[in-house]
């Protein structure tokens, strides 16, 4: 800590497709959905995060809700900048004579292009950051889970977020090989929407699909502790009248099957590309799951059956990536080669 360290504020950001988490002083200070509501006529921001999420799918012509990130990368540059700026304002703040300079470490998908990387940096700088560093999500997830990434041992981490699933083999503080696919939570939601339309003739929105996934989402058709059936409300496709139907977890497991199979295939490709010595380590340590998608019931069991390896779900998987980003920021000297 330097003499003028109080003039710098260090923030770790997990800029996710579905949720954005900000860590300041080793605490999660902001955990909000990555969405904003804008008034069309004046371009003024009405709401950010949870409040904007409540408006999603319920707006009139003068209000639009925008999700600035798609598939793990920034799709709407200006909306991303607005969102970051508003979320930084949510951080509890002591009144300061001078506004502090912001130093940010932001995690990004490992399969990101240089142009997409630049967009993240530019958005953060426009939102007021003086210094922006980037760290890859699987590496941040590994640090957040508690894996010693510096050791000469191979570890496989799967981070299933909202927009991307990141599969990486990590050893000696670096990513040995990785596979990034754009199939994750959002894809699960659209699978559920489509299934409801085709099987039950009912039209539902994105928020309802998300709730179905949380309440009765499953990766396998036989669970030891099955959740109760869930009441779904939507619009009847034939009559146009709102109606209620009940869905069970086995139905949802059936409708998510194809997307989960694609994640399984990506895991097998990543294992094929792994050097033999590291493969031997992974056989002993198993696979670590992080991200919101890893909360899907039975996913660990299904991956374990497919790979014949032990699969461990991280403690509080939703915050594992953000936690790892915060640790990397706090121990900047130790982890500086992970950060670019």
C-alpha atoms as a PDB file:
ATOM      1  CA  UNK A   1       0.000   0.000   0.000  1.00  0.00           C
ATOM      2  CA  UNK A   2       1.479   3.316  -1.095  1.00  0.00           C
ATOM      3  CA  UNK A   3       1.138   6.699   0.547  1.00  0.00           C
ATOM      4  CA  UNK A   4      -1.700   7.690  -1.778  1.00  0.00           C
ATOM      5  CA  UNK A   5      -3.400   4.286  -1.898  1.00  0.00           C
ATOM      6  CA  UNK A   6      -6.583   5.855  -0.488  1.00  0.00           C
ATOM      7  CA  UNK A   7      -6.863   7.752  -3.765  1.00  0.00           C
ATOM      8  CA  UNK A   8      -7.147   4.460  -5.670  1.00  0.00           C
ATOM      9  CA  UNK A   9     -10.105   2.164  -5.475  1.00  0.00           C
ATOM     10  CA  UNK A  10      -9.496  -1.432  -6.587  1.00  0.00           C
ATOM     11  CA  UNK A  11     -12.511  -3.320  -7.923  1.00  0.00           C
ATOM     12  CA  UNK A  12     -12.730  -6.918  -9.161  1.00  0.00           C
ATOM     13  CA  UNK A  13     -15.525  -7.475 -11.683  1.00  0.00           C
ATOM     14  CA  UNK A  14     -17.121 -10.651 -12.976  1.00  0.00           C
ATOM     15  CA  UNK A  15     -18.833  -9.143 -16.022  1.00  0.00           C
ATOM     16  CA  UNK A  16     -21.223 -11.973 -16.845  1.00  0.00           C
ATOM     17  CA  UNK A  17     -23.898 -12.423 -19.497  1.00  0.00           C
ATOM     18  CA  UNK A  18     -26.550 -13.086 -16.836  1.00  0.00           C
ATOM     19  CA  UNK A  19     -25.106 -11.492 -13.656  1.00  0.00           C
ATOM     20  CA  UNK A  20     -22.429  -8.949 -12.833  1.00  0.00           C
ATOM     21  CA  UNK A  21     -20.601  -9.223  -9.500  1.00  0.00           C
ATOM     22  CA  UNK A  22     -18.367  -6.481  -8.073  1.00  0.00           C
ATOM     23  CA  UNK A  23     -15.893  -7.171  -5.270  1.00  0.00           C
ATOM     24  CA  UNK A  24     -14.392  -4.317  -3.277  1.00  0.00           C
ATOM     25  CA  UNK A  25     -12.273  -4.688  -0.130  1.00  0.00           C
ATOM     26  CA  UNK A  26     -12.674  -8.512  -0.335  1.00  0.00           C
ATOM     27  CA  UNK A  27     -16.459  -8.228  -0.081  1.00  0.00           C
ATOM     28  CA  UNK A  28     -19.157  -8.802  -2.698  1.00  0.00           C
ATOM     29  CA  UNK A  29     -20.647  -5.301  -2.785  1.00  0.00           C
ATOM     30  CA  UNK A  30     -22.781  -5.603  -5.945  1.00  0.00           C
ATOM     31  CA  UNK A  31     -24.467  -8.738  -7.310  1.00  0.00           C
ATOM     32  CA  UNK A  32     -27.018  -7.752  -9.927  1.00  0.00           C
ATOM     33  CA  UNK A  33     -28.466  -9.124 -13.189  1.00  0.00           C
ATOM     34  CA  UNK A  34     -26.634  -7.748 -16.265  1.00  0.00           C
ATOM     35  CA  UNK A  35     -29.536  -5.708 -17.600  1.00  0.00           C
ATOM     36  CA  UNK A  36     -30.576  -2.052 -17.839  1.00  0.00           C
ATOM     37  CA  UNK A  37     -33.838  -0.270 -18.649  1.00  0.00           C
ATOM     38  CA  UNK A  38     -33.642   2.822 -20.862  1.00  0.00           C
ATOM     39  CA  UNK A  39     -36.250   5.455 -21.752  1.00  0.00           C
ATOM     40  CA  UNK A  40     -36.286   5.594 -25.562  1.00  0.00           C
ATOM     41  CA  UNK A  41     -37.308   9.268 -25.948  1.00  0.00           C
ATOM     42  CA  UNK A  42     -34.587  10.726 -23.700  1.00  0.00           C
ATOM     43  CA  UNK A  43     -32.049   7.838 -23.643  1.00  0.00           C
ATOM     44  CA  UNK A  44     -32.115   8.152 -19.847  1.00  0.00           C
ATOM     45  CA  UNK A  45     -31.400   5.124 -17.648  1.00  0.00           C
ATOM     46  CA  UNK A  46     -34.448   4.241 -15.563  1.00  0.00           C
ATOM     47  CA  UNK A  47     -33.185   1.121 -13.786  1.00  0.00           C
ATOM     48  CA  UNK A  48     -30.196  -1.200 -13.522  1.00  0.00           C
ATOM     49  CA  UNK A  49     -29.893  -4.782 -12.299  1.00  0.00           C
ATOM     50  CA  UNK A  50     -32.759  -6.299 -10.274  1.00  0.00           C
ATOM     51  CA  UNK A  51     -35.144  -3.377 -10.920  1.00  0.00           C
ATOM     52  CA  UNK A  52     -34.536  -3.580 -14.678  1.00  0.00           C
ATOM     53  CA  UNK A  53     -34.945  -7.377 -14.523  1.00  0.00           C
ATOM     54  CA  UNK A  54     -38.423  -6.886 -13.023  1.00  0.00           C
ATOM     55  CA  UNK A  55     -39.331  -4.774 -16.085  1.00  0.00           C
ATOM     56  CA  UNK A  56     -37.935  -7.255 -18.639  1.00  0.00           C
ATOM     57  CA  UNK A  57     -40.666  -8.449 -20.992  1.00  0.00           C
ATOM     58  CA  UNK A  58     -43.223  -6.070 -19.427  1.00  0.00           C
ATOM     59  CA  UNK A  59     -42.307  -2.714 -20.995  1.00  0.00           C
ATOM     60  CA  UNK A  60     -44.292  -0.307 -23.182  1.00  0.00           C
ATOM     61  CA  UNK A  61     -43.014   1.460 -26.324  1.00  0.00           C
ATOM     62  CA  UNK A  62     -41.081   4.190 -24.513  1.00  0.00           C
ATOM     63  CA  UNK A  63     -39.034   1.819 -22.324  1.00  0.00           C
ATOM     64  CA  UNK A  64     -36.615  -0.821 -23.557  1.00  0.00           C
ATOM     65  CA  UNK A  65     -34.644  -3.310 -21.515  1.00  0.00           C
ATOM     66  CA  UNK A  66     -31.155  -4.122 -22.792  1.00  0.00           C
ATOM     67  CA  UNK A  67     -28.820  -6.968 -21.895  1.00  0.00           C
ATOM     68  CA  UNK A  68     -25.453  -5.501 -22.933  1.00  0.00           C
ATOM     69  CA  UNK A  69     -23.675  -8.886 -23.029  1.00  0.00           C
ATOM     70  CA  UNK A  70     -24.419 -11.837 -25.279  1.00  0.00           C
ATOM     71  CA  UNK A  71     -22.470 -15.107 -25.265  1.00  0.00           C
ATOM     72  CA  UNK A  72     -19.991 -13.725 -22.735  1.00  0.00           C
ATOM     73  CA  UNK A  73     -18.999 -10.695 -24.830  1.00  0.00           C
ATOM     74  CA  UNK A  74     -20.215  -7.111 -25.115  1.00  0.00           C
ATOM     75  CA  UNK A  75     -22.971  -6.806 -27.713  1.00  0.00           C
ATOM     76  CA  UNK A  76     -24.057  -3.238 -26.887  1.00  0.00           C
ATOM     77  CA  UNK A  77     -21.047  -1.059 -26.124  1.00  0.00           C
ATOM     78  CA  UNK A  78     -22.881   2.013 -24.789  1.00  0.00           C
ATOM     79  CA  UNK A  79     -25.296  -0.022 -22.644  1.00  0.00           C
ATOM     80  CA  UNK A  80     -22.349  -1.915 -21.108  1.00  0.00           C
ATOM     81  CA  UNK A  81     -20.670   1.372 -20.203  1.00  0.00           C
ATOM     82  CA  UNK A  82     -23.914   2.741 -18.649  1.00  0.00           C
ATOM     83  CA  UNK A  83     -24.408  -0.471 -16.695  1.00  0.00           C
ATOM     84  CA  UNK A  84     -20.843  -0.532 -15.331  1.00  0.00           C
ATOM     85  CA  UNK A  85     -21.026   3.121 -14.357  1.00  0.00           C
ATOM     86  CA  UNK A  86     -24.316   2.659 -12.467  1.00  0.00           C
ATOM     87  CA  UNK A  87     -23.093  -0.492 -10.718  1.00  0.00           C
ATOM     88  CA  UNK A  88     -19.886   1.247  -9.579  1.00  0.00           C
ATOM     89  CA  UNK A  89     -22.121   3.945  -8.033  1.00  0.00           C
ATOM     90  CA  UNK A  90     -23.843   1.194  -5.989  1.00  0.00           C
ATOM     91  CA  UNK A  91     -20.585   0.502  -4.091  1.00  0.00           C
ATOM     92  CA  UNK A  92     -20.871   1.824  -0.500  1.00  0.00           C
ATOM     93  CA  UNK A  93     -18.761   4.941  -0.497  1.00  0.00           C
ATOM     94  CA  UNK A  94     -17.142   7.146   2.109  1.00  0.00           C
ATOM     95  CA  UNK A  95     -17.388  10.796   1.128  1.00  0.00           C
ATOM     96  CA  UNK A  96     -14.054  11.730  -0.408  1.00  0.00           C
ATOM     97  CA  UNK A  97     -12.649  15.141  -1.292  1.00  0.00           C
ATOM     98  CA  UNK A  98     -11.370  13.765  -4.599  1.00  0.00           C
ATOM     99  CA  UNK A  99     -13.085  10.965  -6.526  1.00  0.00           C
ATOM    100  CA  UNK A 100     -10.765   7.934  -6.306  1.00  0.00           C
ATOM    101  CA  UNK A 101      -8.989   6.568  -9.378  1.00  0.00           C
ATOM    102  CA  UNK A 102     -10.442   3.185 -10.299  1.00  0.00           C
ATOM    103  CA  UNK A 103      -8.261   0.144 -10.905  1.00  0.00           C
ATOM    104  CA  UNK A 104     -10.255  -2.810 -12.264  1.00  0.00           C
ATOM    105  CA  UNK A 105      -9.584  -6.479 -12.880  1.00  0.00           C
ATOM    106  CA  UNK A 106     -12.301  -7.907 -15.141  1.00  0.00           C
ATOM    107  CA  UNK A 107     -12.683 -11.567 -16.074  1.00  0.00           C
ATOM    108  CA  UNK A 108     -13.328 -12.524 -19.691  1.00  0.00           C
ATOM    109  CA  UNK A 109     -14.112 -15.803 -21.517  1.00  0.00           C
ATOM    110  CA  UNK A 110     -11.011 -17.711 -22.633  1.00  0.00           C
ATOM    111  CA  UNK A 111     -12.267 -17.993 -26.221  1.00  0.00           C
ATOM    112  CA  UNK A 112     -12.615 -14.228 -26.666  1.00  0.00           C
ATOM    113  CA  UNK A 113     -11.129 -12.400 -29.694  1.00  0.00           C
ATOM    114  CA  UNK A 114      -8.804  -9.374 -29.441  1.00  0.00           C
ATOM    115  CA  UNK A 115     -11.574  -7.076 -30.709  1.00  0.00           C
ATOM    116  CA  UNK A 116     -13.983  -8.343 -28.021  1.00  0.00           C
ATOM    117  CA  UNK A 117     -11.220  -7.948 -25.421  1.00  0.00           C
ATOM    118  CA  UNK A 118     -10.692  -4.350 -26.522  1.00  0.00           C
ATOM    119  CA  UNK A 119     -14.440  -3.688 -26.178  1.00  0.00           C
ATOM    120  CA  UNK A 120     -14.343  -4.806 -22.514  1.00  0.00           C
ATOM    121  CA  UNK A 121     -11.356  -2.546 -21.789  1.00  0.00           C
ATOM    122  CA  UNK A 122     -12.907   0.426 -23.610  1.00  0.00           C
ATOM    123  CA  UNK A 123     -16.245   0.037 -21.781  1.00  0.00           C
ATOM    124  CA  UNK A 124     -14.462  -0.051 -18.404  1.00  0.00           C
ATOM    125  CA  UNK A 125     -12.356   3.005 -19.308  1.00  0.00           C
ATOM    126  CA  UNK A 126     -15.462   4.909 -20.459  1.00  0.00           C
ATOM    127  CA  UNK A 127     -17.094   3.975 -17.135  1.00  0.00           C
ATOM    128  CA  UNK A 128     -14.248   5.726 -15.302  1.00  0.00           C
ATOM    129  CA  UNK A 129     -11.428   3.182 -14.887  1.00  0.00           C
ATOM    130  CA  UNK A 130      -7.879   4.535 -14.949  1.00  0.00           C
ATOM    131  CA  UNK A 131      -6.324   1.071 -15.192  1.00  0.00           C
ATOM    132  CA  UNK A 132      -7.992  -2.077 -16.558  1.00  0.00           C
ATOM    133  CA  UNK A 133      -6.574  -5.598 -16.372  1.00  0.00           C
ATOM    134  CA  UNK A 134      -8.172  -8.792 -17.700  1.00  0.00           C
ATOM    135  CA  UNK A 135      -8.114 -12.358 -16.397  1.00  0.00           C
ATOM    136  CA  UNK A 136      -9.549 -15.455 -18.096  1.00  0.00           C
ATOM    137  CA  UNK A 137     -12.686 -16.914 -16.470  1.00  0.00           C
ATOM    138  CA  UNK A 138     -11.471 -20.530 -16.017  1.00  0.00           C
ATOM    139  CA  UNK A 139      -8.310 -19.253 -14.291  1.00  0.00           C
ATOM    140  CA  UNK A 140     -10.349 -16.945 -12.029  1.00  0.00           C
ATOM    141  CA  UNK A 141     -12.738 -19.841 -11.285  1.00  0.00           C
ATOM    142  CA  UNK A 142      -9.813 -22.136 -10.357  1.00  0.00           C
ATOM    143  CA  UNK A 143      -8.376 -19.495  -7.988  1.00  0.00           C
ATOM    144  CA  UNK A 144     -11.866 -18.878  -6.521  1.00  0.00           C
ATOM    145  CA  UNK A 145     -12.487 -22.602  -5.940  1.00  0.00           C
ATOM    146  CA  UNK A 146      -9.234 -22.767  -3.940  1.00  0.00           C
ATOM    147  CA  UNK A 147      -7.032 -24.707  -6.381  1.00  0.00           C
ATOM    148  CA  UNK A 148      -3.320 -23.862  -6.133  1.00  0.00           C
ATOM    149  CA  UNK A 149      -2.866 -22.914  -9.799  1.00  0.00           C
ATOM    150  CA  UNK A 150       0.933 -22.498  -9.405  1.00  0.00           C
ATOM    151  CA  UNK A 151       1.526 -26.183  -8.649  1.00  0.00           C
ATOM    152  CA  UNK A 152       2.808 -28.524 -11.401  1.00  0.00           C
ATOM    153  CA  UNK A 153      -0.458 -30.462 -11.160  1.00  0.00           C
ATOM    154  CA  UNK A 154      -3.174 -30.619 -13.792  1.00  0.00           C
ATOM    155  CA  UNK A 155      -6.680 -29.469 -12.870  1.00  0.00           C
ATOM    156  CA  UNK A 156      -9.724 -29.332 -15.112  1.00  0.00           C
ATOM    157  CA  UNK A 157     -12.211 -26.527 -14.480  1.00  0.00           C
ATOM    158  CA  UNK A 158     -15.600 -26.172 -16.192  1.00  0.00           C
ATOM    159  CA  UNK A 159     -17.262 -22.774 -15.771  1.00  0.00           C
ATOM    160  CA  UNK A 160     -20.855 -22.809 -17.049  1.00  0.00           C
ATOM    161  CA  UNK A 161     -22.126 -19.245 -17.064  1.00  0.00           C
ATOM    162  CA  UNK A 162     -25.002 -17.468 -18.787  1.00  0.00           C
ATOM    163  CA  UNK A 163     -23.477 -17.100 -22.244  1.00  0.00           C
ATOM    164  CA  UNK A 164     -20.505 -19.465 -22.453  1.00  0.00           C
ATOM    165  CA  UNK A 165     -19.217 -22.719 -21.016  1.00  0.00           C
ATOM    166  CA  UNK A 166     -15.474 -22.553 -20.433  1.00  0.00           C
ATOM    167  CA  UNK A 167     -13.566 -25.819 -20.150  1.00  0.00           C
ATOM    168  CA  UNK A 168      -9.876 -25.489 -19.288  1.00  0.00           C
ATOM    169  CA  UNK A 169      -6.968 -27.598 -18.090  1.00  0.00           C
ATOM    170  CA  UNK A 170      -4.756 -25.543 -15.785  1.00  0.00           C
ATOM    171  CA  UNK A 171      -1.185 -26.220 -14.583  1.00  0.00           C
ATOM    172  CA  UNK A 172       1.790 -24.100 -13.456  1.00  0.00           C
ATOM    173  CA  UNK A 173      -0.259 -20.894 -13.455  1.00  0.00           C
ATOM    174  CA  UNK A 174      -1.353 -21.163 -17.077  1.00  0.00           C
ATOM    175  CA  UNK A 175      -4.105 -22.589 -19.266  1.00  0.00           C
ATOM    176  CA  UNK A 176      -2.635 -25.635 -21.034  1.00  0.00           C
ATOM    177  CA  UNK A 177      -5.653 -26.145 -23.256  1.00  0.00           C
ATOM    178  CA  UNK A 178      -9.155 -24.784 -23.303  1.00  0.00           C
ATOM    179  CA  UNK A 179     -12.455 -25.129 -25.085  1.00  0.00           C
ATOM    180  CA  UNK A 180     -15.000 -22.329 -25.015  1.00  0.00           C
ATOM    181  CA  UNK A 181     -18.492 -23.017 -26.338  1.00  0.00           C
ATOM    182  CA  UNK A 182     -21.440 -20.658 -26.528  1.00  0.00           C
ATOM    183  CA  UNK A 183     -23.877 -23.067 -24.908  1.00  0.00           C
ATOM    184  CA  UNK A 184     -24.792 -22.242 -21.320  1.00  0.00           C
ATOM    185  CA  UNK A 185     -27.621 -20.849 -19.180  1.00  0.00           C
ATOM    186  CA  UNK A 186     -29.172 -18.673 -21.922  1.00  0.00           C
ATOM    187  CA  UNK A 187     -29.264 -21.623 -24.301  1.00  0.00           C
ATOM    188  CA  UNK A 188     -30.991 -23.711 -21.595  1.00  0.00           C
ATOM    189  CA  UNK A 189     -33.620 -20.959 -21.242  1.00  0.00           C
ATOM    190  CA  UNK A 190     -34.354 -20.864 -24.983  1.00  0.00           C
ATOM    191  CA  UNK A 191     -34.578 -24.698 -25.006  1.00  0.00           C
ATOM    192  CA  UNK A 192     -37.229 -24.479 -22.263  1.00  0.00           C
ATOM    193  CA  UNK A 193     -39.157 -21.739 -24.150  1.00  0.00           C
ATOM    194  CA  UNK A 194     -39.173 -23.851 -27.319  1.00  0.00           C
ATOM    195  CA  UNK A 195     -40.204 -27.011 -25.457  1.00  0.00           C
ATOM    196  CA  UNK A 196     -43.141 -25.218 -23.811  1.00  0.00           C
ATOM    197  CA  UNK A 197     -44.294 -23.908 -27.174  1.00  0.00           C
ATOM    198  CA  UNK A 198     -44.050 -27.270 -28.973  1.00  0.00           C
ATOM    199  CA  UNK A 199     -45.186 -29.684 -26.254  1.00  0.00           C
ATOM    200  CA  UNK A 200     -47.692 -27.628 -24.271  1.00  0.00           C
ATOM    201  CA  UNK A 201     -48.804 -24.967 -26.805  1.00  0.00           C
ATOM    202  CA  UNK A 202     -47.926 -22.258 -24.307  1.00  0.00           C
ATOM    203  CA  UNK A 203     -45.828 -19.144 -24.938  1.00  0.00           C
ATOM    204  CA  UNK A 204     -43.586 -18.068 -22.055  1.00  0.00           C
ATOM    205  CA  UNK A 205     -40.986 -15.329 -21.652  1.00  0.00           C
ATOM    206  CA  UNK A 206     -37.293 -15.411 -20.802  1.00  0.00           C
ATOM    207  CA  UNK A 207     -37.868 -14.714 -17.096  1.00  0.00           C
ATOM    208  CA  UNK A 208     -40.393 -17.566 -16.765  1.00  0.00           C
ATOM    209  CA  UNK A 209     -38.000 -19.957 -18.557  1.00  0.00           C
ATOM    210  CA  UNK A 210     -35.272 -18.929 -16.083  1.00  0.00           C
ATOM    211  CA  UNK A 211     -37.618 -19.643 -13.145  1.00  0.00           C
ATOM    212  CA  UNK A 212     -38.515 -23.090 -14.554  1.00  0.00           C
ATOM    213  CA  UNK A 213     -34.784 -23.863 -14.871  1.00  0.00           C
ATOM    214  CA  UNK A 214     -34.148 -22.821 -11.253  1.00  0.00           C
ATOM    215  CA  UNK A 215     -37.204 -24.560  -9.771  1.00  0.00           C
ATOM    216  CA  UNK A 216     -37.315 -27.853 -11.724  1.00  0.00           C
ATOM    217  CA  UNK A 217     -34.234 -27.791 -13.997  1.00  0.00           C
ATOM    218  CA  UNK A 218     -32.390 -31.109 -14.178  1.00  0.00           C
ATOM    219  CA  UNK A 219     -29.721 -32.811 -16.287  1.00  0.00           C
ATOM    220  CA  UNK A 220     -30.895 -36.362 -15.566  1.00  0.00           C
ATOM    221  CA  UNK A 221     -34.350 -37.964 -15.562  1.00  0.00           C
ATOM    222  CA  UNK A 222     -33.923 -39.779 -12.240  1.00  0.00           C
ATOM    223  CA  UNK A 223     -33.134 -37.731  -9.150  1.00  0.00           C
ATOM    224  CA  UNK A 224     -32.889 -38.946  -5.553  1.00  0.00           C
ATOM    225  CA  UNK A 225     -34.622 -35.834  -4.167  1.00  0.00           C
ATOM    226  CA  UNK A 226     -36.872 -34.632  -6.997  1.00  0.00           C
ATOM    227  CA  UNK A 227     -38.300 -31.105  -6.775  1.00  0.00           C
ATOM    228  CA  UNK A 228     -42.127 -30.765  -6.731  1.00  0.00           C
ATOM    229  CA  UNK A 229     -43.910 -30.005 -10.000  1.00  0.00           C
ATOM    230  CA  UNK A 230     -43.827 -26.325 -10.939  1.00  0.00           C
ATOM    231  CA  UNK A 231     -46.831 -24.242 -12.064  1.00  0.00           C
ATOM    232  CA  UNK A 232     -46.081 -22.357 -15.286  1.00  0.00           C
ATOM    233  CA  UNK A 233     -48.198 -19.429 -16.422  1.00  0.00           C
ATOM    234  CA  UNK A 234     -48.178 -18.277 -20.030  1.00  0.00           C
ATOM    235  CA  UNK A 235     -50.283 -17.549 -23.096  1.00  0.00           C
ATOM    236  CA  UNK A 236     -52.115 -20.358 -24.852  1.00  0.00           C
ATOM    237  CA  UNK A 237     -50.861 -20.546 -28.432  1.00  0.00           C
ATOM    238  CA  UNK A 238     -54.267 -21.597 -29.831  1.00  0.00           C
ATOM    239  CA  UNK A 239     -56.749 -19.440 -27.898  1.00  0.00           C
ATOM    240  CA  UNK A 240     -54.467 -16.550 -26.848  1.00  0.00           C
ATOM    241  CA  UNK A 241     -55.871 -16.805 -23.299  1.00  0.00           C
ATOM    242  CA  UNK A 242     -53.462 -16.979 -20.308  1.00  0.00           C
ATOM    243  CA  UNK A 243     -53.329 -20.445 -18.766  1.00  0.00           C
ATOM    244  CA  UNK A 244     -51.526 -22.556 -16.175  1.00  0.00           C
ATOM    245  CA  UNK A 245     -49.805 -25.900 -16.677  1.00  0.00           C
ATOM    246  CA  UNK A 246     -47.592 -28.010 -14.408  1.00  0.00           C
ATOM    247  CA  UNK A 247     -44.166 -29.293 -15.468  1.00  0.00           C
ATOM    248  CA  UNK A 248     -41.884 -31.800 -13.754  1.00  0.00           C
ATOM    249  CA  UNK A 249     -38.112 -32.124 -13.647  1.00  0.00           C
ATOM    250  CA  UNK A 250     -38.008 -35.175 -15.980  1.00  0.00           C
ATOM    251  CA  UNK A 251     -39.620 -33.133 -18.785  1.00  0.00           C
ATOM    252  CA  UNK A 252     -37.043 -30.376 -18.379  1.00  0.00           C
ATOM    253  CA  UNK A 253     -34.200 -32.926 -18.286  1.00  0.00           C
ATOM    254  CA  UNK A 254     -35.515 -34.262 -21.591  1.00  0.00           C
ATOM    255  CA  UNK A 255     -35.692 -30.792 -23.181  1.00  0.00           C
ATOM    256  CA  UNK A 256     -32.171 -29.785 -22.017  1.00  0.00           C
ATOM    257  CA  UNK A 257     -30.640 -33.084 -23.145  1.00  0.00           C
ATOM    258  CA  UNK A 258     -29.240 -31.875 -26.508  1.00  0.00           C
ATOM    259  CA  UNK A 259     -27.549 -28.765 -25.074  1.00  0.00           C
ATOM    260  CA  UNK A 260     -25.996 -30.725 -22.188  1.00  0.00           C
ATOM    261  CA  UNK A 261     -24.780 -33.354 -24.676  1.00  0.00           C
ATOM    262  CA  UNK A 262     -22.891 -30.562 -26.515  1.00  0.00           C
ATOM    263  CA  UNK A 263     -21.192 -29.542 -23.244  1.00  0.00           C
ATOM    264  CA  UNK A 264     -20.279 -33.201 -22.623  1.00  0.00           C
ATOM    265  CA  UNK A 265     -18.785 -33.447 -26.144  1.00  0.00           C
ATOM    266  CA  UNK A 266     -16.702 -30.298 -25.516  1.00  0.00           C
ATOM    267  CA  UNK A 267     -15.421 -31.778 -22.213  1.00  0.00           C
ATOM    268  CA  UNK A 268     -14.370 -34.979 -24.017  1.00  0.00           C
ATOM    269  CA  UNK A 269     -12.558 -32.946 -26.725  1.00  0.00           C
ATOM    270  CA  UNK A 270     -10.714 -30.962 -24.003  1.00  0.00           C
ATOM    271  CA  UNK A 271      -9.705 -34.236 -22.307  1.00  0.00           C
ATOM    272  CA  UNK A 272      -8.455 -35.637 -25.644  1.00  0.00           C
ATOM    273  CA  UNK A 273      -6.230 -32.576 -26.113  1.00  0.00           C
ATOM    274  CA  UNK A 274      -4.719 -32.873 -22.607  1.00  0.00           C
ATOM    275  CA  UNK A 275      -1.050 -33.969 -22.365  1.00  0.00           C
ATOM    276  CA  UNK A 276      -0.773 -37.480 -20.813  1.00  0.00           C
ATOM    277  CA  UNK A 277       0.978 -36.393 -17.588  1.00  0.00           C
ATOM    278  CA  UNK A 278      -1.757 -33.855 -16.873  1.00  0.00           C
ATOM    279  CA  UNK A 279      -4.441 -36.409 -17.790  1.00  0.00           C
ATOM    280  CA  UNK A 280      -2.981 -38.649 -15.067  1.00  0.00           C
ATOM    281  CA  UNK A 281      -3.356 -35.768 -12.561  1.00  0.00           C
ATOM    282  CA  UNK A 282      -6.975 -35.127 -13.634  1.00  0.00           C
ATOM    283  CA  UNK A 283      -7.747 -38.815 -13.076  1.00  0.00           C
ATOM    284  CA  UNK A 284      -6.751 -38.306  -9.421  1.00  0.00           C
ATOM    285  CA  UNK A 285      -8.168 -34.804  -8.815  1.00  0.00           C
ATOM    286  CA  UNK A 286     -11.287 -35.017 -10.986  1.00  0.00           C
ATOM    287  CA  UNK A 287     -13.194 -32.159 -12.611  1.00  0.00           C
ATOM    288  CA  UNK A 288     -14.289 -28.936 -10.865  1.00  0.00           C
ATOM    289  CA  UNK A 289     -17.582 -27.239 -11.792  1.00  0.00           C
ATOM    290  CA  UNK A 290     -18.228 -23.517 -11.289  1.00  0.00           C
ATOM    291  CA  UNK A 291     -20.712 -20.929 -12.570  1.00  0.00           C
ATOM    292  CA  UNK A 292     -24.504 -20.770 -12.261  1.00  0.00           C
ATOM    293  CA  UNK A 293     -25.016 -23.632 -14.739  1.00  0.00           C
ATOM    294  CA  UNK A 294     -23.302 -26.068 -12.377  1.00  0.00           C
ATOM    295  CA  UNK A 295     -26.292 -25.679 -10.007  1.00  0.00           C
ATOM    296  CA  UNK A 296     -28.435 -27.644 -12.499  1.00  0.00           C
ATOM    297  CA  UNK A 297     -29.603 -30.754 -10.621  1.00  0.00           C
ATOM    298  CA  UNK A 298     -27.720 -33.931 -11.531  1.00  0.00           C
ATOM    299  CA  UNK A 299     -25.255 -32.239 -13.909  1.00  0.00           C
ATOM    300  CA  UNK A 300     -22.244 -33.359 -11.842  1.00  0.00           C
ATOM    301  CA  UNK A 301     -23.574 -36.929 -11.839  1.00  0.00           C
ATOM    302  CA  UNK A 302     -24.183 -36.913 -15.596  1.00  0.00           C
ATOM    303  CA  UNK A 303     -20.686 -35.575 -16.368  1.00  0.00           C
ATOM    304  CA  UNK A 304     -19.188 -38.117 -13.969  1.00  0.00           C
ATOM    305  CA  UNK A 305     -20.959 -40.994 -15.782  1.00  0.00           C
ATOM    306  CA  UNK A 306     -19.814 -39.653 -19.176  1.00  0.00           C
ATOM    307  CA  UNK A 307     -16.147 -39.049 -18.261  1.00  0.00           C
ATOM    308  CA  UNK A 308     -15.814 -41.771 -15.561  1.00  0.00           C
ATOM    309  CA  UNK A 309     -14.079 -39.141 -13.401  1.00  0.00           C
ATOM    310  CA  UNK A 310     -15.070 -37.631 -10.049  1.00  0.00           C
ATOM    311  CA  UNK A 311     -16.861 -34.278 -10.518  1.00  0.00           C
ATOM    312  CA  UNK A 312     -16.851 -31.662  -7.715  1.00  0.00           C
ATOM    313  CA  UNK A 313     -19.201 -28.657  -7.633  1.00  0.00           C
ATOM    314  CA  UNK A 314     -17.543 -25.537  -6.187  1.00  0.00           C
ATOM    315  CA  UNK A 315     -18.803 -24.069  -2.934  1.00  0.00           C
ATOM    316  CA  UNK A 316     -21.072 -21.141  -3.931  1.00  0.00           C
ATOM    317  CA  UNK A 317     -20.399 -21.697  -7.676  1.00  0.00           C
ATOM    318  CA  UNK A 318     -22.162 -18.456  -8.698  1.00  0.00           C
ATOM    319  CA  UNK A 319     -19.464 -16.362  -6.995  1.00  0.00           C
ATOM    320  CA  UNK A 320     -16.410 -18.605  -7.648  1.00  0.00           C
ATOM    321  CA  UNK A 321     -15.233 -16.564 -10.668  1.00  0.00           C
ATOM    322  CA  UNK A 322     -15.773 -13.225  -8.901  1.00  0.00           C
ATOM    323  CA  UNK A 323     -13.998 -14.529  -5.774  1.00  0.00           C
ATOM    324  CA  UNK A 324     -11.013 -15.658  -7.859  1.00  0.00           C
ATOM    325  CA  UNK A 325     -10.864 -12.276  -9.608  1.00  0.00           C
ATOM    326  CA  UNK A 326     -10.870 -10.598  -6.171  1.00  0.00           C
ATOM    327  CA  UNK A 327      -8.029 -12.859  -4.917  1.00  0.00           C
ATOM    328  CA  UNK A 328      -5.993 -12.132  -8.074  1.00  0.00           C
ATOM    329  CA  UNK A 329      -6.496  -8.386  -7.526  1.00  0.00           C
ATOM    330  CA  UNK A 330      -5.549  -8.605  -3.834  1.00  0.00           C
ATOM    331  CA  UNK A 331      -2.405 -10.671  -4.533  1.00  0.00           C
ATOM    332  CA  UNK A 332      -1.510  -8.744  -7.660  1.00  0.00           C
ATOM    333  CA  UNK A 333       2.246  -9.354  -7.323  1.00  0.00           C
ATOM    334  CA  UNK A 334       1.761 -13.115  -7.003  1.00  0.00           C
ATOM    335  CA  UNK A 335      -0.793 -13.469  -9.801  1.00  0.00           C
ATOM    336  CA  UNK A 336       0.380 -10.674 -12.094  1.00  0.00           C
ATOM    337  CA  UNK A 337       1.345 -13.096 -14.892  1.00  0.00           C
ATOM    338  CA  UNK A 338      -2.263 -14.412 -14.960  1.00  0.00           C
ATOM    339  CA  UNK A 339      -3.539 -10.895 -15.571  1.00  0.00           C
ATOM    340  CA  UNK A 340      -3.044  -9.005 -18.807  1.00  0.00           C
END
